N, C-alpha and C. Protein backbone atom coordinates (compact mmCIF):
# COMPACT_ATOMS: atom_id res chain seq x y z
N MET A 1 -156.86 -244.81 -11.79
CA MET A 1 -156.56 -243.53 -10.32
C MET A 1 -157.76 -243.56 -9.89
N THR A 2 -157.99 -243.84 -8.36
CA THR A 2 -158.97 -243.56 -7.58
C THR A 2 -159.21 -241.83 -7.38
N PHE A 3 -160.42 -241.61 -7.07
CA PHE A 3 -160.71 -240.05 -6.75
C PHE A 3 -159.63 -239.69 -5.70
N ALA A 4 -159.30 -240.25 -4.80
CA ALA A 4 -158.46 -239.67 -3.45
C ALA A 4 -156.92 -239.40 -4.01
N ALA A 5 -156.73 -240.63 -4.74
CA ALA A 5 -155.27 -240.86 -5.51
C ALA A 5 -155.03 -239.26 -6.65
N ALA A 6 -156.08 -239.23 -7.25
CA ALA A 6 -155.93 -238.07 -8.18
C ALA A 6 -155.83 -236.78 -7.34
N ARG A 7 -156.52 -236.56 -6.08
CA ARG A 7 -156.82 -235.32 -5.25
C ARG A 7 -155.42 -235.34 -4.78
N LEU A 8 -154.62 -236.36 -4.38
CA LEU A 8 -153.16 -236.27 -3.97
C LEU A 8 -152.41 -235.65 -4.73
N ALA A 9 -152.37 -236.25 -5.90
CA ALA A 9 -151.68 -235.94 -6.83
C ALA A 9 -151.71 -234.42 -7.42
N LEU A 10 -152.88 -233.84 -7.46
CA LEU A 10 -153.15 -232.27 -7.49
C LEU A 10 -152.64 -231.88 -6.53
N VAL A 11 -152.91 -231.89 -5.23
CA VAL A 11 -152.25 -231.13 -4.33
C VAL A 11 -150.60 -231.11 -4.38
N SER A 12 -150.33 -232.59 -4.52
CA SER A 12 -148.75 -232.37 -4.59
C SER A 12 -147.84 -231.39 -5.80
N THR A 13 -149.01 -231.44 -6.89
CA THR A 13 -148.23 -230.86 -8.07
C THR A 13 -148.57 -229.15 -7.60
N LEU A 14 -149.51 -228.50 -6.84
CA LEU A 14 -149.55 -227.54 -6.55
C LEU A 14 -148.65 -226.95 -5.42
N VAL A 15 -148.45 -227.76 -4.61
CA VAL A 15 -147.42 -227.46 -3.55
C VAL A 15 -146.24 -227.04 -4.15
N ALA A 16 -145.74 -228.10 -5.22
CA ALA A 16 -144.54 -227.94 -5.96
C ALA A 16 -144.06 -226.71 -6.64
N ALA A 17 -145.47 -226.38 -7.27
CA ALA A 17 -145.61 -225.24 -8.03
C ALA A 17 -145.28 -223.72 -7.03
N ALA A 18 -145.97 -223.95 -5.76
CA ALA A 18 -145.55 -222.84 -5.25
C ALA A 18 -144.34 -222.52 -4.55
N LEU A 19 -143.82 -223.84 -4.14
CA LEU A 19 -142.42 -223.82 -3.62
C LEU A 19 -141.41 -223.16 -4.84
N THR A 20 -141.71 -223.64 -6.04
CA THR A 20 -140.94 -223.18 -7.23
C THR A 20 -141.21 -221.80 -7.47
N LEU A 21 -142.39 -221.09 -7.31
CA LEU A 21 -142.83 -219.92 -7.55
C LEU A 21 -142.00 -218.95 -6.24
N SER A 22 -141.95 -219.56 -5.06
CA SER A 22 -141.66 -218.90 -4.00
C SER A 22 -140.05 -218.92 -4.05
N GLY A 23 -139.33 -219.73 -4.79
CA GLY A 23 -137.92 -219.83 -4.87
C GLY A 23 -137.63 -219.06 -5.80
N CYS A 24 -138.51 -218.58 -6.75
CA CYS A 24 -138.26 -217.53 -8.19
C CYS A 24 -138.09 -216.20 -7.35
N ALA A 25 -139.22 -215.94 -6.87
CA ALA A 25 -139.67 -214.75 -6.11
C ALA A 25 -138.06 -214.12 -5.31
N GLY A 26 -137.98 -215.23 -4.57
CA GLY A 26 -136.69 -214.95 -3.85
C GLY A 26 -135.37 -214.69 -4.45
N MET A 27 -135.20 -215.37 -5.70
CA MET A 27 -133.78 -214.94 -6.49
C MET A 27 -134.22 -213.46 -7.03
N GLY A 28 -135.73 -213.39 -7.23
CA GLY A 28 -135.53 -212.10 -8.52
C GLY A 28 -135.61 -210.99 -7.36
N GLY A 29 -135.65 -211.07 -6.10
CA GLY A 29 -135.83 -210.09 -5.01
C GLY A 29 -134.83 -208.81 -5.01
N VAL A 30 -134.95 -207.76 -4.67
CA VAL A 30 -133.57 -206.78 -4.35
C VAL A 30 -133.29 -207.20 -3.25
N GLU A 31 -132.00 -207.26 -3.13
CA GLU A 31 -131.04 -207.51 -2.17
C GLU A 31 -130.38 -206.44 -1.38
N ALA A 32 -130.66 -206.19 -0.16
CA ALA A 32 -129.93 -205.06 0.56
C ALA A 32 -128.61 -204.69 0.12
N GLN A 33 -128.16 -203.55 -0.05
CA GLN A 33 -127.11 -203.10 -0.34
C GLN A 33 -126.46 -202.35 0.98
N PRO A 34 -124.93 -202.78 0.98
CA PRO A 34 -124.56 -201.86 2.04
C PRO A 34 -124.55 -200.55 1.80
N ALA A 35 -124.49 -199.72 2.82
CA ALA A 35 -124.72 -198.14 2.67
C ALA A 35 -123.38 -197.81 1.89
N GLU A 36 -123.45 -196.88 0.99
CA GLU A 36 -122.45 -196.30 0.22
C GLU A 36 -121.39 -195.32 1.52
N THR A 37 -120.27 -195.29 1.51
CA THR A 37 -119.56 -194.48 2.30
C THR A 37 -119.43 -192.97 1.30
N PRO A 38 -119.83 -191.95 2.13
CA PRO A 38 -119.59 -190.93 1.33
C PRO A 38 -118.24 -190.43 0.67
N THR A 39 -118.39 -190.07 -0.13
CA THR A 39 -116.90 -189.75 -1.20
C THR A 39 -116.54 -188.46 -0.92
N PRO A 40 -115.29 -188.13 0.10
CA PRO A 40 -114.58 -187.18 0.48
C PRO A 40 -114.52 -185.82 -0.37
N THR A 41 -114.89 -184.80 0.07
CA THR A 41 -114.77 -183.44 -0.78
C THR A 41 -113.13 -183.25 -1.08
N ALA A 42 -112.87 -183.11 -2.21
CA ALA A 42 -111.71 -182.74 -2.55
C ALA A 42 -111.01 -181.25 -1.86
N THR A 43 -110.10 -181.39 -1.37
CA THR A 43 -109.70 -180.04 -0.94
C THR A 43 -108.67 -179.11 -1.86
N ILE A 44 -109.28 -177.89 -2.31
CA ILE A 44 -108.31 -177.42 -3.56
C ILE A 44 -107.01 -176.72 -2.68
N ALA A 45 -105.94 -177.01 -3.11
CA ALA A 45 -104.90 -176.18 -2.24
C ALA A 45 -104.80 -174.86 -2.78
N GLU A 46 -104.58 -173.88 -1.68
CA GLU A 46 -104.28 -172.42 -1.94
C GLU A 46 -102.84 -172.57 -3.08
N PRO A 47 -103.04 -171.57 -4.14
CA PRO A 47 -101.51 -171.53 -4.69
C PRO A 47 -100.42 -171.03 -3.69
N PRO A 48 -99.11 -170.80 -4.12
CA PRO A 48 -98.27 -170.16 -3.02
C PRO A 48 -98.57 -169.02 -3.13
N SER A 49 -98.17 -168.36 -2.17
CA SER A 49 -98.37 -166.67 -1.78
C SER A 49 -97.87 -166.38 -0.59
N ILE A 50 -97.73 -165.33 -0.38
CA ILE A 50 -96.69 -164.49 0.98
C ILE A 50 -97.75 -163.79 1.64
N PRO A 51 -98.17 -164.44 2.74
CA PRO A 51 -99.18 -163.41 3.43
C PRO A 51 -98.55 -162.11 3.69
N ILE A 52 -99.17 -160.87 3.84
CA ILE A 52 -98.89 -159.53 3.90
C ILE A 52 -99.86 -158.97 5.13
N VAL A 53 -99.31 -157.79 5.64
CA VAL A 53 -100.43 -157.02 6.50
C VAL A 53 -101.63 -156.63 5.97
N GLU A 54 -102.66 -157.07 6.69
CA GLU A 54 -103.89 -156.65 6.18
C GLU A 54 -104.20 -155.31 6.59
N GLN A 55 -104.39 -154.65 5.49
CA GLN A 55 -104.82 -153.08 5.55
C GLN A 55 -106.11 -152.78 4.49
N THR A 56 -106.73 -152.30 5.17
CA THR A 56 -108.29 -151.83 4.14
C THR A 56 -108.43 -150.34 3.64
N VAL A 57 -108.58 -150.24 2.61
CA VAL A 57 -108.83 -148.98 1.91
C VAL A 57 -110.56 -148.76 1.79
N THR A 58 -110.97 -147.93 2.45
CA THR A 58 -112.53 -147.74 2.18
C THR A 58 -112.86 -146.42 1.56
N ASP A 59 -113.84 -146.67 0.75
CA ASP A 59 -114.06 -145.38 -0.35
C ASP A 59 -115.45 -145.14 0.49
N GLU A 60 -115.57 -143.95 1.32
CA GLU A 60 -116.67 -143.68 2.39
C GLU A 60 -117.83 -143.26 1.06
N LEU A 61 -117.29 -142.82 0.16
CA LEU A 61 -118.69 -142.18 -0.71
C LEU A 61 -119.25 -143.13 -1.37
N THR A 62 -118.51 -144.17 -1.97
CA THR A 62 -119.22 -145.27 -2.43
C THR A 62 -119.77 -146.40 -1.75
N GLY A 63 -118.80 -146.65 -0.74
CA GLY A 63 -119.09 -147.85 0.15
C GLY A 63 -118.00 -148.85 -0.37
N THR A 64 -117.33 -148.45 -1.35
CA THR A 64 -116.40 -149.85 -1.59
C THR A 64 -115.19 -149.83 -0.59
N SER A 65 -114.92 -151.34 -0.28
CA SER A 65 -113.58 -151.35 0.44
C SER A 65 -112.79 -152.44 -0.30
N VAL A 66 -111.35 -152.46 0.08
CA VAL A 66 -110.72 -153.22 -0.47
C VAL A 66 -109.37 -153.65 0.37
N THR A 67 -109.14 -154.93 0.97
CA THR A 67 -108.35 -155.11 1.89
C THR A 67 -107.25 -156.19 1.42
N THR A 68 -106.07 -155.96 1.83
CA THR A 68 -105.00 -156.56 1.32
C THR A 68 -104.70 -157.97 2.53
N LEU A 69 -104.29 -159.07 1.34
CA LEU A 69 -104.30 -160.61 2.32
C LEU A 69 -103.03 -160.98 1.87
N ALA A 70 -102.56 -161.08 0.62
CA ALA A 70 -101.58 -161.71 0.48
C ALA A 70 -100.55 -161.30 -0.83
N MET A 71 -99.39 -161.71 -1.13
CA MET A 71 -99.17 -161.46 -2.60
C MET A 71 -97.94 -162.30 -3.32
N VAL A 72 -97.71 -162.38 -4.72
CA VAL A 72 -97.00 -163.16 -4.89
C VAL A 72 -95.97 -162.14 -5.89
N THR A 73 -94.64 -162.19 -5.78
CA THR A 73 -93.93 -161.57 -6.73
C THR A 73 -92.98 -162.36 -7.83
N ASP A 74 -93.33 -163.79 -7.63
CA ASP A 74 -92.16 -164.52 -8.65
C ASP A 74 -93.01 -165.28 -9.58
N PHE A 75 -94.22 -164.75 -9.70
CA PHE A 75 -95.20 -165.56 -10.41
C PHE A 75 -94.58 -165.69 -12.20
N GLN A 76 -94.35 -167.04 -12.47
CA GLN A 76 -93.83 -167.46 -13.87
C GLN A 76 -94.89 -167.85 -14.54
N SER A 77 -94.87 -167.80 -15.81
CA SER A 77 -95.76 -168.52 -16.57
C SER A 77 -95.36 -168.00 -17.95
N ALA A 78 -96.21 -168.67 -19.19
CA ALA A 78 -96.00 -168.49 -20.32
C ALA A 78 -96.38 -167.20 -21.14
N ALA A 79 -96.93 -166.69 -20.15
CA ALA A 79 -97.59 -164.98 -20.11
C ALA A 79 -96.38 -164.18 -20.16
N ASN A 80 -95.25 -164.50 -19.57
CA ASN A 80 -93.90 -163.65 -19.53
C ASN A 80 -93.50 -163.41 -20.85
N ALA A 81 -93.31 -164.57 -21.64
CA ALA A 81 -93.01 -164.74 -23.02
C ALA A 81 -93.50 -163.70 -23.96
N SER A 82 -94.97 -163.29 -23.54
CA SER A 82 -95.77 -162.46 -24.27
C SER A 82 -95.56 -161.17 -24.27
N VAL A 83 -94.77 -160.71 -23.07
CA VAL A 83 -94.22 -159.00 -22.84
C VAL A 83 -93.02 -158.99 -22.97
N SER A 84 -93.09 -157.41 -22.88
CA SER A 84 -91.19 -156.96 -23.29
C SER A 84 -90.39 -157.56 -22.07
N ASP A 85 -89.18 -157.80 -22.58
CA ASP A 85 -88.30 -158.26 -21.41
C ASP A 85 -88.18 -157.08 -20.43
N GLY A 86 -87.85 -157.46 -19.10
CA GLY A 86 -87.59 -156.49 -17.95
C GLY A 86 -88.96 -156.28 -17.20
N LEU A 87 -90.01 -157.03 -17.40
CA LEU A 87 -91.27 -156.96 -16.55
C LEU A 87 -91.25 -158.23 -16.06
N GLN A 88 -92.19 -157.98 -14.82
CA GLN A 88 -92.14 -159.11 -13.86
C GLN A 88 -93.58 -158.83 -13.25
N ALA A 89 -94.51 -160.12 -13.24
CA ALA A 89 -96.03 -160.02 -12.64
C ALA A 89 -96.09 -160.23 -11.29
N VAL A 90 -96.77 -159.30 -10.84
CA VAL A 90 -96.82 -159.11 -9.48
C VAL A 90 -98.61 -159.24 -9.25
N LEU A 91 -98.81 -160.21 -8.15
CA LEU A 91 -100.27 -160.55 -7.90
C LEU A 91 -100.59 -160.32 -6.48
N VAL A 92 -101.54 -159.73 -6.20
CA VAL A 92 -102.06 -159.13 -4.74
C VAL A 92 -103.50 -159.91 -4.47
N LYS A 93 -103.59 -160.73 -3.63
CA LYS A 93 -104.88 -161.08 -3.02
C LYS A 93 -105.50 -159.92 -2.07
N VAL A 94 -106.80 -159.67 -2.45
CA VAL A 94 -107.61 -158.90 -2.10
C VAL A 94 -108.87 -159.13 -1.66
N ARG A 95 -109.63 -158.50 -0.74
CA ARG A 95 -111.00 -158.74 -0.14
C ARG A 95 -111.58 -158.00 -0.96
N PHE A 96 -112.77 -157.67 -1.96
CA PHE A 96 -113.16 -156.64 -2.36
C PHE A 96 -114.51 -156.30 -1.93
N THR A 97 -114.91 -155.60 -1.49
CA THR A 97 -116.56 -155.37 -1.22
C THR A 97 -116.83 -154.13 -2.26
N ALA A 98 -117.92 -154.37 -3.19
CA ALA A 98 -118.57 -153.45 -4.04
C ALA A 98 -119.37 -152.72 -3.33
N GLY A 99 -119.22 -151.18 -3.38
CA GLY A 99 -120.31 -150.27 -2.61
C GLY A 99 -121.42 -150.33 -3.39
N ASP A 100 -122.66 -149.90 -2.34
CA ASP A 100 -124.12 -150.13 -3.27
C ASP A 100 -125.00 -148.67 -3.09
N GLU A 101 -123.79 -147.96 -2.91
CA GLU A 101 -124.38 -146.33 -2.70
C GLU A 101 -125.06 -146.06 -3.87
N TYR A 102 -124.28 -145.92 -4.74
CA TYR A 102 -125.17 -145.74 -6.30
C TYR A 102 -125.42 -146.77 -7.17
N GLY A 103 -125.40 -147.94 -6.75
CA GLY A 103 -125.97 -149.17 -7.81
C GLY A 103 -124.77 -149.26 -8.57
N GLY A 104 -125.25 -150.62 -9.04
CA GLY A 104 -124.41 -150.99 -10.41
C GLY A 104 -122.89 -151.81 -9.82
N ALA A 105 -122.57 -153.08 -10.93
CA ALA A 105 -121.51 -153.98 -10.82
C ALA A 105 -120.26 -152.79 -10.59
N GLU A 106 -119.19 -153.56 -9.64
CA GLU A 106 -117.99 -153.03 -10.08
C GLU A 106 -117.00 -153.65 -10.31
N ARG A 107 -115.95 -153.23 -11.14
CA ARG A 107 -114.71 -153.85 -11.36
C ARG A 107 -113.66 -153.46 -10.65
N PRO A 108 -112.55 -154.22 -10.46
CA PRO A 108 -111.41 -153.78 -9.58
C PRO A 108 -110.55 -152.79 -10.46
N THR A 109 -110.93 -151.84 -11.40
CA THR A 109 -110.08 -150.66 -11.90
C THR A 109 -109.72 -149.83 -11.11
N PRO A 110 -110.16 -149.42 -10.32
CA PRO A 110 -109.46 -148.51 -9.08
C PRO A 110 -108.16 -149.02 -8.51
N VAL A 111 -108.11 -150.19 -8.32
CA VAL A 111 -107.28 -151.16 -7.87
C VAL A 111 -105.91 -151.17 -8.41
N SER A 112 -104.79 -150.48 -8.20
CA SER A 112 -103.36 -150.71 -8.88
C SER A 112 -102.21 -151.01 -8.19
N ILE A 113 -101.36 -151.95 -8.49
CA ILE A 113 -99.99 -152.02 -8.00
C ILE A 113 -98.94 -151.12 -8.59
N THR A 114 -98.27 -150.57 -7.59
CA THR A 114 -97.05 -149.66 -8.35
C THR A 114 -95.67 -149.98 -7.24
N ASP A 115 -94.77 -149.44 -8.01
CA ASP A 115 -93.45 -149.37 -7.24
C ASP A 115 -93.83 -148.87 -6.19
N ARG A 116 -92.93 -148.94 -4.77
CA ARG A 116 -92.99 -148.26 -3.48
C ARG A 116 -92.71 -146.77 -3.95
N GLY A 117 -93.69 -145.73 -3.38
CA GLY A 117 -93.31 -144.64 -3.47
C GLY A 117 -92.95 -143.89 -4.94
N VAL A 118 -93.77 -144.54 -5.81
CA VAL A 118 -93.48 -144.07 -7.00
C VAL A 118 -94.33 -142.67 -7.20
N ASN A 119 -94.07 -141.48 -8.09
CA ASN A 119 -94.44 -140.51 -8.18
C ASN A 119 -95.74 -140.65 -9.23
N LEU A 120 -97.49 -140.78 -8.52
CA LEU A 120 -98.21 -141.23 -9.45
C LEU A 120 -98.51 -140.86 -10.97
N ASP A 121 -97.94 -139.11 -10.53
CA ASP A 121 -98.20 -138.52 -11.80
C ASP A 121 -97.46 -138.89 -13.11
N TYR A 122 -96.70 -140.07 -12.97
CA TYR A 122 -95.68 -140.37 -14.04
C TYR A 122 -96.40 -141.96 -14.19
N VAL A 123 -97.02 -142.24 -13.68
CA VAL A 123 -97.35 -143.86 -13.78
C VAL A 123 -98.69 -144.26 -14.37
N SER A 124 -98.99 -144.92 -15.33
CA SER A 124 -100.34 -145.12 -15.86
C SER A 124 -101.19 -146.39 -14.73
N LEU A 125 -102.42 -145.70 -14.04
CA LEU A 125 -102.71 -146.54 -13.09
C LEU A 125 -104.59 -147.14 -13.82
N GLY A 126 -104.97 -148.16 -13.01
CA GLY A 126 -105.96 -149.25 -13.63
C GLY A 126 -105.60 -150.02 -14.70
N LEU A 127 -104.51 -150.19 -14.72
CA LEU A 127 -104.05 -151.68 -15.37
C LEU A 127 -104.01 -152.78 -15.06
N THR A 128 -104.90 -153.16 -13.88
CA THR A 128 -105.16 -154.59 -13.09
C THR A 128 -105.69 -155.49 -14.28
N ASN A 129 -105.49 -156.79 -13.93
CA ASN A 129 -105.43 -158.00 -14.52
C ASN A 129 -105.54 -157.76 -16.19
N PRO A 130 -104.44 -157.26 -16.77
CA PRO A 130 -104.56 -157.22 -18.27
C PRO A 130 -104.62 -158.16 -18.87
N GLU A 131 -105.17 -158.45 -20.14
CA GLU A 131 -105.48 -159.49 -21.01
C GLU A 131 -104.33 -160.48 -21.07
N THR A 132 -103.21 -159.88 -21.09
CA THR A 132 -101.81 -161.06 -21.37
C THR A 132 -101.49 -161.68 -20.06
N LEU A 133 -102.23 -161.33 -18.75
CA LEU A 133 -101.90 -161.99 -17.72
C LEU A 133 -102.90 -162.57 -16.97
N ALA A 134 -103.94 -162.12 -17.18
CA ALA A 134 -105.37 -162.76 -16.51
C ALA A 134 -105.45 -164.41 -16.77
N PRO A 135 -105.51 -164.86 -18.09
CA PRO A 135 -105.57 -166.35 -18.29
C PRO A 135 -104.44 -167.15 -17.79
N ALA A 136 -103.15 -166.58 -17.42
CA ALA A 136 -102.22 -167.36 -16.66
C ALA A 136 -102.43 -167.38 -15.15
N MET A 137 -102.92 -166.33 -14.90
CA MET A 137 -103.23 -166.25 -13.31
C MET A 137 -104.47 -167.34 -13.28
N THR A 138 -105.62 -167.25 -13.85
CA THR A 138 -106.50 -168.08 -13.84
C THR A 138 -105.98 -169.93 -14.00
N ALA A 139 -105.46 -170.27 -14.86
CA ALA A 139 -104.59 -171.30 -14.90
C ALA A 139 -103.67 -171.85 -13.67
N ALA A 140 -103.12 -170.98 -12.94
CA ALA A 140 -102.31 -171.24 -11.87
C ALA A 140 -102.99 -171.15 -10.75
N GLY A 141 -104.50 -170.81 -10.87
CA GLY A 141 -105.07 -170.80 -9.50
C GLY A 141 -105.60 -169.47 -8.52
N TYR A 142 -104.97 -168.31 -9.18
CA TYR A 142 -105.03 -167.25 -8.80
C TYR A 142 -106.10 -166.46 -9.55
N THR A 143 -107.37 -166.79 -9.25
CA THR A 143 -108.43 -166.35 -9.93
C THR A 143 -108.62 -164.76 -10.02
N PRO A 144 -108.56 -164.25 -10.91
CA PRO A 144 -108.70 -162.80 -11.00
C PRO A 144 -110.19 -162.33 -10.41
N ILE A 145 -109.93 -160.96 -10.04
CA ILE A 145 -111.42 -160.47 -9.71
C ILE A 145 -111.96 -159.93 -11.00
N ASN A 146 -113.35 -160.19 -11.24
CA ASN A 146 -113.78 -159.50 -12.47
C ASN A 146 -114.82 -158.54 -11.92
N SER A 147 -116.20 -158.79 -12.06
CA SER A 147 -117.14 -157.80 -11.84
C SER A 147 -117.87 -158.41 -10.75
N VAL A 148 -118.01 -157.43 -9.65
CA VAL A 148 -118.71 -157.83 -8.37
C VAL A 148 -119.99 -156.72 -8.24
N LYS A 149 -120.86 -157.85 -7.84
CA LYS A 149 -122.43 -156.85 -7.51
C LYS A 149 -122.24 -156.00 -6.31
N PRO A 150 -123.17 -154.93 -6.43
CA PRO A 150 -123.11 -154.27 -5.32
C PRO A 150 -123.61 -154.65 -3.77
N GLY A 151 -123.08 -154.45 -3.19
CA GLY A 151 -123.08 -154.92 -1.72
C GLY A 151 -122.57 -156.54 -1.63
N GLU A 152 -121.68 -157.03 -2.52
CA GLU A 152 -121.11 -158.37 -2.26
C GLU A 152 -119.58 -158.39 -1.97
N THR A 153 -119.26 -159.12 -1.71
CA THR A 153 -117.89 -159.26 -1.38
C THR A 153 -117.11 -160.45 -2.18
N VAL A 154 -116.13 -160.31 -2.55
CA VAL A 154 -115.61 -161.22 -3.26
C VAL A 154 -113.80 -161.35 -2.88
N THR A 155 -113.48 -162.52 -2.74
CA THR A 155 -111.83 -162.50 -2.61
C THR A 155 -111.31 -163.03 -3.52
N GLY A 156 -110.13 -162.55 -4.01
CA GLY A 156 -109.46 -162.82 -5.58
C GLY A 156 -108.36 -162.08 -5.98
N TRP A 157 -107.86 -162.18 -6.95
CA TRP A 157 -106.36 -161.73 -7.15
C TRP A 157 -106.84 -160.18 -8.27
N VAL A 158 -105.78 -159.60 -7.83
CA VAL A 158 -105.56 -158.30 -9.10
C VAL A 158 -103.83 -158.81 -9.23
N GLY A 159 -103.49 -158.34 -10.48
CA GLY A 159 -102.17 -158.48 -11.04
C GLY A 159 -101.71 -157.56 -11.84
N ALA A 160 -100.79 -157.18 -12.11
CA ALA A 160 -100.15 -156.09 -12.90
C ALA A 160 -98.74 -156.30 -13.41
N TRP A 161 -98.24 -155.87 -14.64
CA TRP A 161 -96.82 -156.15 -15.13
C TRP A 161 -96.14 -154.67 -14.64
N LEU A 162 -94.96 -155.23 -14.05
CA LEU A 162 -94.06 -154.19 -13.07
C LEU A 162 -92.58 -154.62 -13.89
N ARG A 163 -92.10 -153.07 -13.74
CA ARG A 163 -90.24 -153.29 -14.05
C ARG A 163 -89.69 -154.48 -13.18
N ASP A 164 -89.04 -155.44 -13.56
CA ASP A 164 -88.48 -156.24 -12.86
C ASP A 164 -87.47 -155.88 -11.91
N ASP A 165 -87.10 -154.66 -11.63
CA ASP A 165 -86.31 -153.94 -10.83
C ASP A 165 -86.89 -153.47 -9.74
N TYR A 166 -88.07 -153.57 -9.78
CA TYR A 166 -89.06 -153.16 -8.58
C TYR A 166 -88.83 -154.33 -7.30
N THR A 167 -88.76 -154.03 -6.13
CA THR A 167 -88.59 -154.90 -5.15
C THR A 167 -89.89 -154.72 -4.05
N GLN A 168 -90.19 -153.34 -4.00
CA GLN A 168 -91.00 -153.15 -2.87
C GLN A 168 -92.34 -152.50 -3.76
N PHE A 169 -93.74 -152.68 -3.17
CA PHE A 169 -94.86 -152.53 -3.73
C PHE A 169 -96.01 -151.71 -3.32
N ASP A 170 -96.42 -150.80 -3.54
CA ASP A 170 -97.80 -150.33 -3.28
C ASP A 170 -99.15 -150.47 -3.50
N LEU A 171 -99.92 -150.73 -3.04
CA LEU A 171 -101.55 -150.85 -3.61
C LEU A 171 -102.27 -149.40 -3.47
N VAL A 172 -102.58 -149.10 -4.84
CA VAL A 172 -103.27 -147.70 -4.95
C VAL A 172 -104.57 -147.68 -5.49
N TYR A 173 -105.46 -147.37 -4.37
CA TYR A 173 -106.91 -147.08 -4.63
C TYR A 173 -106.97 -145.92 -5.39
N ASP A 174 -107.63 -145.55 -6.74
CA ASP A 174 -107.63 -144.38 -7.16
C ASP A 174 -109.00 -144.36 -8.14
N ARG A 175 -110.12 -143.75 -7.43
CA ARG A 175 -111.44 -143.65 -8.16
C ARG A 175 -111.50 -141.93 -8.74
N GLY A 176 -111.29 -141.79 -10.10
CA GLY A 176 -111.63 -140.48 -10.48
C GLY A 176 -112.75 -139.77 -10.31
N GLU A 177 -113.19 -138.54 -10.43
CA GLU A 177 -114.67 -137.75 -10.21
C GLU A 177 -115.42 -138.60 -11.25
N SER A 178 -116.38 -138.68 -11.05
CA SER A 178 -117.64 -139.29 -11.64
C SER A 178 -119.06 -138.88 -11.65
N THR A 179 -119.69 -139.13 -12.62
CA THR A 179 -121.18 -138.54 -12.40
C THR A 179 -122.40 -139.60 -12.20
N VAL A 180 -123.09 -139.24 -11.45
CA VAL A 180 -124.34 -140.28 -11.26
C VAL A 180 -125.36 -140.40 -12.45
N PHE A 181 -125.33 -141.52 -13.30
CA PHE A 181 -126.81 -141.49 -14.13
C PHE A 181 -127.72 -142.26 -13.62
N GLY A 182 -128.94 -141.82 -14.02
CA GLY A 182 -130.07 -142.46 -13.39
C GLY A 182 -130.36 -142.34 -12.06
N GLY A 183 -131.77 -142.43 -11.25
CA GLY A 183 -132.07 -142.66 -10.26
C GLY A 183 -132.28 -141.25 -9.60
N ASP A 184 -132.65 -141.15 -8.45
CA ASP A 184 -132.84 -139.90 -8.04
C ASP A 184 -131.42 -138.94 -7.90
N GLN A 185 -130.24 -139.52 -7.85
CA GLN A 185 -129.21 -138.62 -7.44
C GLN A 185 -128.58 -138.44 -9.25
N SER A 186 -129.24 -138.58 -10.21
CA SER A 186 -128.81 -138.59 -11.56
C SER A 186 -128.05 -137.12 -11.35
N GLY A 187 -127.20 -136.96 -12.29
CA GLY A 187 -126.23 -135.90 -12.33
C GLY A 187 -125.59 -135.55 -11.35
N GLU A 188 -125.68 -135.93 -10.37
CA GLU A 188 -124.69 -135.53 -8.90
C GLU A 188 -123.16 -135.91 -9.30
N LYS A 189 -122.31 -135.05 -9.01
CA LYS A 189 -120.84 -135.43 -9.29
C LYS A 189 -120.53 -135.98 -7.85
N ILE A 190 -119.70 -136.89 -8.00
CA ILE A 190 -118.76 -137.84 -6.84
C ILE A 190 -117.43 -137.39 -6.93
N PRO A 191 -116.99 -136.70 -6.11
CA PRO A 191 -115.72 -136.26 -6.07
C PRO A 191 -114.61 -137.54 -6.01
N PRO A 192 -113.57 -137.37 -6.47
CA PRO A 192 -112.53 -138.12 -6.38
C PRO A 192 -112.02 -138.77 -5.21
N PHE A 193 -111.28 -140.21 -5.12
CA PHE A 193 -110.85 -140.41 -4.15
C PHE A 193 -109.62 -141.35 -4.37
N GLN A 194 -108.65 -141.21 -3.55
CA GLN A 194 -107.37 -141.86 -3.81
C GLN A 194 -106.59 -142.24 -2.07
N GLN A 195 -106.14 -143.39 -2.14
CA GLN A 195 -105.47 -144.02 -0.95
C GLN A 195 -104.36 -144.86 -1.31
N ILE A 196 -103.19 -144.84 -0.73
CA ILE A 196 -102.14 -145.80 -0.93
C ILE A 196 -101.94 -146.47 0.23
N VAL A 197 -101.55 -147.91 -0.22
CA VAL A 197 -101.21 -148.53 1.36
C VAL A 197 -100.03 -149.39 0.69
N PRO A 198 -98.91 -149.56 1.94
CA PRO A 198 -97.81 -150.36 1.66
C PRO A 198 -97.99 -151.77 1.62
N LEU A 199 -97.68 -152.53 0.36
CA LEU A 199 -97.61 -153.58 0.78
C LEU A 199 -96.38 -154.64 1.56
N GLU A 200 -96.73 -155.11 2.72
CA GLU A 200 -95.44 -155.29 3.63
C GLU A 200 -95.88 -156.89 4.10
N PRO A 201 -94.63 -157.83 4.05
CA PRO A 201 -95.03 -159.29 4.41
C PRO A 201 -95.65 -158.91 5.89
N SER A 202 -96.19 -159.90 6.24
CA SER A 202 -96.67 -159.94 7.70
C SER A 202 -95.62 -160.57 8.71
N ALA A 203 -95.70 -160.09 9.52
CA ALA A 203 -94.55 -160.79 10.82
C ALA A 203 -94.86 -162.52 10.71
């Protein structure tokens, strides 16, 4: 083989190798992917309830406020079987703002649901979201209000067992006298506060 022929053969081999490598690189490259379509956020449906007249109870001494929003009087669940016959679960949706005048998280224990116009001297208050009812409320989407930090606002539900012959209801905010512990106001007596609002369907 002459020098020129050998040189031509070498060039041809190099060109073929370059083309082969180029083809491999093209096959191994990352292909452009179509833009992903955003997954729509699932909308969680509100559980059924009856809108009621919005009324706000404000505890001026502590800064706590409670606004009535909706009500459920036909709540049925396995929890009903765990209580005595003759009782019904009544749920009320409220907007609860914990006061920050004295600090400390608040629970909705001052909020009670009662029969309309009942003599409060003969009923037990502060039985909101009992252990026999709260888990069933949560499972059905009626999230019970638990603990609310000072100054925060939470929208949720309070529930209670009432006699099943009751058909009209009140929301009672009843905070007894208390004493401040700690801070500059330690030892200060906070006088009691009570207010009742009727739970009425909105027009």
